[in-house]
Protein backbone atom coordinates (compact mmCIF):
# COMPACT_ATOMS: atom_id res chain seq x y z
CA MET A 1 -74.41 11.43 -93.04
CA SER A 2 -72.82 14.88 -94.28
CA GLN A 3 -73.89 18.14 -92.28
CA LEU A 4 -74.86 20.93 -94.31
CA LYS A 5 -73.62 24.07 -94.47
CA LEU A 6 -74.28 27.87 -94.98
CA PHE A 7 -71.54 30.15 -95.73
CA ASP A 8 -69.40 27.08 -94.88
CA LEU A 9 -71.22 26.93 -91.47
CA PRO A 10 -73.03 24.03 -89.87
CA LEU A 11 -76.20 24.70 -90.23
CA SER A 12 -76.87 23.61 -86.37
CA LEU A 13 -74.90 27.20 -85.46
CA PRO A 14 -77.64 30.00 -84.54
CA LEU A 15 -75.56 32.57 -86.78
CA ARG A 16 -75.00 33.59 -90.29
CA GLU A 17 -72.30 35.46 -91.82
CA THR A 18 -73.32 39.00 -93.90
CA ASP A 19 -71.39 41.71 -95.84
CA GLN A 20 -72.06 43.53 -92.81
CA GLY A 21 -71.43 40.94 -89.98
CA ILE A 22 -72.47 38.09 -88.46
CA GLU A 23 -76.09 37.90 -87.45
CA LEU A 24 -76.69 35.56 -84.26
CA PHE A 25 -80.02 33.98 -83.50
CA VAL A 26 -81.39 34.37 -79.96
CA LYS A 27 -84.32 33.00 -77.68
CA VAL A 28 -84.63 35.85 -74.36
CA THR A 29 -85.58 34.61 -71.49
CA PRO A 30 -86.49 38.03 -69.49
CA ASN A 31 -86.56 37.86 -65.53
CA ALA A 32 -84.44 34.91 -65.04
CA ALA A 33 -83.33 33.91 -62.04
CA LYS A 34 -79.75 34.81 -62.88
CA ASN A 35 -77.88 36.26 -66.43
CA ARG A 36 -76.50 33.15 -68.35
CA ILE A 37 -76.18 31.94 -71.91
CA GLY A 38 -78.35 28.50 -72.12
CA GLU A 39 -77.55 25.97 -75.03
CA ILE A 40 -78.40 25.96 -78.71
CA LYS A 41 -82.61 24.84 -79.74
CA ASN A 42 -83.99 24.67 -82.90
CA ASP A 43 -86.99 27.01 -82.66
CA SER A 44 -90.26 26.76 -83.61
CA THR A 45 -89.41 28.01 -87.09
CA ASN A 46 -86.86 25.46 -87.39
CA ARG A 47 -84.03 27.81 -86.86
CA TYR A 48 -81.36 27.18 -84.70
CA VAL A 49 -80.97 29.40 -81.64
CA LEU A 50 -78.96 30.35 -78.69
CA LYS A 51 -80.71 30.30 -75.23
CA VAL A 52 -80.05 33.71 -73.27
CA TYR A 53 -81.45 34.42 -70.00
CA VAL A 54 -81.17 38.02 -68.15
CA THR A 55 -82.49 38.97 -64.53
CA ALA A 56 -83.78 42.06 -66.08
CA PRO A 57 -87.62 42.54 -67.00
CA PRO A 58 -88.47 42.82 -70.79
CA GLU A 59 -89.53 46.44 -70.02
CA ASN A 60 -87.80 49.97 -70.99
CA ASN A 61 -84.97 48.59 -73.16
CA GLN A 62 -83.90 46.86 -69.82
CA ALA A 63 -83.75 43.43 -71.19
CA ASN A 64 -82.35 44.07 -74.23
CA GLN A 65 -79.57 45.91 -72.75
CA ALA A 66 -78.82 42.85 -70.26
CA VAL A 67 -78.59 40.55 -73.39
CA ILE A 68 -76.59 42.97 -75.48
CA GLU A 69 -74.06 43.15 -71.95
CA LEU A 70 -74.47 39.09 -71.52
CA ILE A 71 -73.11 38.27 -75.37
CA ALA A 72 -70.53 40.97 -75.35
CA LYS A 73 -69.26 39.56 -72.27
CA GLN A 74 -69.74 35.77 -73.19
CA PHE A 75 -67.72 36.47 -76.50
CA LYS A 76 -64.97 38.94 -75.26
CA ILE A 77 -66.77 41.55 -77.84
CA PRO A 78 -67.28 45.53 -77.10
CA LYS A 79 -70.98 46.24 -76.28
CA SER A 80 -71.10 48.57 -79.39
CA SER A 81 -70.16 45.86 -81.67
CA ILE A 82 -73.76 44.28 -81.02
CA VAL A 83 -76.97 46.24 -82.65
CA ILE A 84 -80.67 44.42 -82.12
CA ILE A 85 -81.65 44.10 -85.72
CA ASN A 86 -84.75 42.35 -85.91
CA GLY A 87 -87.19 41.53 -82.40
CA ARG A 88 -86.40 44.36 -80.12
CA SER A 89 -89.95 43.61 -79.06
CA SER A 90 -90.17 39.89 -79.06
CA ARG A 91 -87.96 37.32 -77.40
CA GLN A 92 -86.57 36.27 -80.56
CA LYS A 93 -83.85 38.42 -81.77
CA THR A 94 -81.39 39.00 -84.23
CA LEU A 95 -78.28 40.34 -83.21
CA LEU A 96 -76.10 41.73 -85.66
CA LEU A 97 -71.87 41.34 -84.41
CA GLN A 98 -69.79 43.95 -85.90
CA ASN A 99 -66.29 43.91 -86.77
CA VAL A 100 -65.64 40.66 -84.82
CA ASN A 101 -63.78 37.57 -85.54
CA LEU A 102 -66.02 34.58 -87.22
CA SER A 103 -63.60 31.96 -85.71
CA LEU A 104 -63.65 33.64 -82.10
CA ILE A 105 -67.27 33.24 -82.71
CA GLU A 106 -67.63 29.76 -83.60
CA SER A 107 -65.13 28.41 -81.00
CA THR A 108 -67.04 30.31 -78.25
CA LEU A 109 -70.23 28.63 -79.78
CA LYS A 110 -69.08 24.87 -79.98
CA THR A 111 -67.68 25.31 -75.64
CA LEU A 112 -71.41 25.79 -74.89
């Protein structure tokens, strides 16, 4: 059985390519024991998300900044290339990764 694809990406990956860059869908757990990237899960809206755990609290934008730093480090991209475009005050977030290589992001996700 073949897997459905969107923009030549398997639907099981938590991202979408747009004209502005790559949208990465994440679900954040603040106040975690340590900063880490978790697994890819199907969330309650039937969309795939990348689980992200950060030690920072969800106050004063601390957790959002920690998410950006962790994603930048994991994917080896500059923090300035990452913008939260949806969900700034929610655990479900959409990050826009600008000026990055799609195949690099895909291959990094597949190794998680």
